[in-house]
Amino acid sequence: QKDAITGAVREAVLINPFDAKKLGLKDGDDVALKNDLGELKGRVYLAPMKPGNLQVHWPEGNVLLDKGKRSLEGVPDYNALVCLEKLDES
């Protein structure tokens, strides 16, 4: 299933092409995003976005969010600090 706006598949990890090149990543590479809350496996999707940022789909990315950080209205804080790791090709 592809996103109607970006054209990315659900497991996409959207990244700026310049950032991907700096990290030695190519479109379609398998990667993992990790932090102390969880891990999300996905595939690199080159996207026209601000360098230094990553984007994933909801609700897939919820495993990386602090469930205790919400606004007074109950909206989650969708910002998360993660480590990006390229997975071995097998």
Protein backbone atom coordinates (compact mmCIF):
# COMPACT_ATOMS: atom_id res chain seq x y z
CA GLN A 1 0.00 0.00 0.00
CA LYS A 2 1.39 3.42 -0.98
CA ASP A 3 0.81 6.76 0.69
CA ALA A 4 -1.39 8.98 -1.48
CA ILE A 5 0.73 12.09 -0.83
CA THR A 6 4.33 10.83 -0.88
CA GLY A 7 3.99 7.64 -2.91
CA ALA A 8 5.99 5.85 -0.19
CA VAL A 9 5.14 2.35 1.01
CA ARG A 10 4.14 1.84 4.66
CA GLU A 11 7.59 0.58 5.72
CA ALA A 12 9.36 3.60 4.19
CA VAL A 13 11.85 5.66 6.18
CA LEU A 14 11.82 9.00 4.39
CA ILE A 15 15.21 10.71 4.26
CA ASN A 16 16.74 13.63 2.38
CA PRO A 17 18.90 12.40 -0.55
CA PHE A 18 21.93 14.41 0.68
CA ASP A 19 21.71 12.79 4.14
CA ALA A 20 21.32 9.34 2.59
CA LYS A 21 24.43 9.85 0.46
CA LYS A 22 26.45 11.03 3.50
CA LEU A 23 25.41 7.85 5.33
CA GLY A 24 26.11 5.55 2.38
CA LEU A 25 22.43 4.69 1.93
CA LYS A 26 20.56 4.08 -1.31
CA ASP A 27 16.86 4.12 -2.08
CA GLY A 28 15.39 0.78 -0.95
CA ASP A 29 18.15 -0.13 1.54
CA ASP A 30 16.92 -1.99 4.63
CA VAL A 31 17.41 0.04 7.81
CA ALA A 32 16.43 0.03 11.47
CA LEU A 33 15.53 3.04 13.59
CA LYS A 34 16.29 2.46 17.27
CA ASN A 35 15.97 4.30 20.55
CA ASP A 36 15.50 3.31 24.18
CA LEU A 37 11.74 2.89 23.57
CA GLY A 38 11.76 0.54 20.61
CA GLU A 39 12.89 -0.39 17.12
CA LEU A 40 11.33 0.05 13.69
CA LYS A 41 12.62 -1.75 10.60
CA GLY A 42 11.99 -0.19 7.23
CA ARG A 43 13.40 0.76 3.84
CA VAL A 44 15.09 3.97 2.72
CA TYR A 45 12.85 6.23 0.64
CA LEU A 46 14.55 9.34 -0.78
CA ALA A 47 12.28 12.33 -0.26
CA PRO A 48 12.44 16.12 -0.69
CA MET A 49 12.58 17.01 2.99
CA LYS A 50 14.68 19.11 5.35
CA PRO A 51 18.15 17.60 5.91
CA GLY A 52 18.77 16.12 9.35
CA ASN A 53 15.29 14.65 9.68
CA LEU A 54 13.61 11.32 9.12
CA GLN A 55 9.93 10.58 8.66
CA VAL A 56 7.95 7.36 9.09
CA HIS A 57 4.27 6.52 8.85
CA TRP A 58 1.81 6.43 11.71
CA PRO A 59 0.99 4.14 13.46
CA GLU A 60 4.13 2.19 12.50
CA GLY A 61 6.38 4.81 14.14
CA ASN A 62 4.54 4.71 17.48
CA VAL A 63 7.07 2.17 18.81
CA LEU A 64 9.62 5.02 18.92
CA LEU A 65 7.44 7.54 20.80
CA ASP A 66 7.34 8.31 24.51
CA LYS A 67 3.73 7.56 25.43
CA GLY A 68 4.03 9.87 28.46
CA LYS A 69 4.79 12.96 26.36
CA ARG A 70 1.47 14.41 25.24
CA SER A 71 -0.05 17.85 24.98
CA LEU A 72 -2.82 18.92 27.36
CA GLU A 73 -5.25 17.80 24.65
CA GLY A 74 -3.68 14.31 24.55
CA VAL A 75 -1.85 14.69 21.22
CA PRO A 76 1.40 12.66 21.15
CA ASP A 77 4.77 14.36 20.71
CA TYR A 78 5.73 12.96 17.32
CA ASN A 79 9.39 13.94 17.70
CA ALA A 80 11.81 11.17 18.58
CA LEU A 81 15.59 10.93 18.67
CA VAL A 82 16.71 7.72 16.96
CA CYS A 83 19.80 5.94 15.70
CA LEU A 84 19.67 4.88 12.05
CA GLU A 85 21.39 1.61 11.24
CA LYS A 86 21.80 0.01 7.82
CA LEU A 87 20.85 -3.66 7.97
CA ASP A 88 22.93 -6.34 6.29
CA GLU A 89 21.75 -7.56 2.93
CA SER A 90 20.85 -11.22 3.06
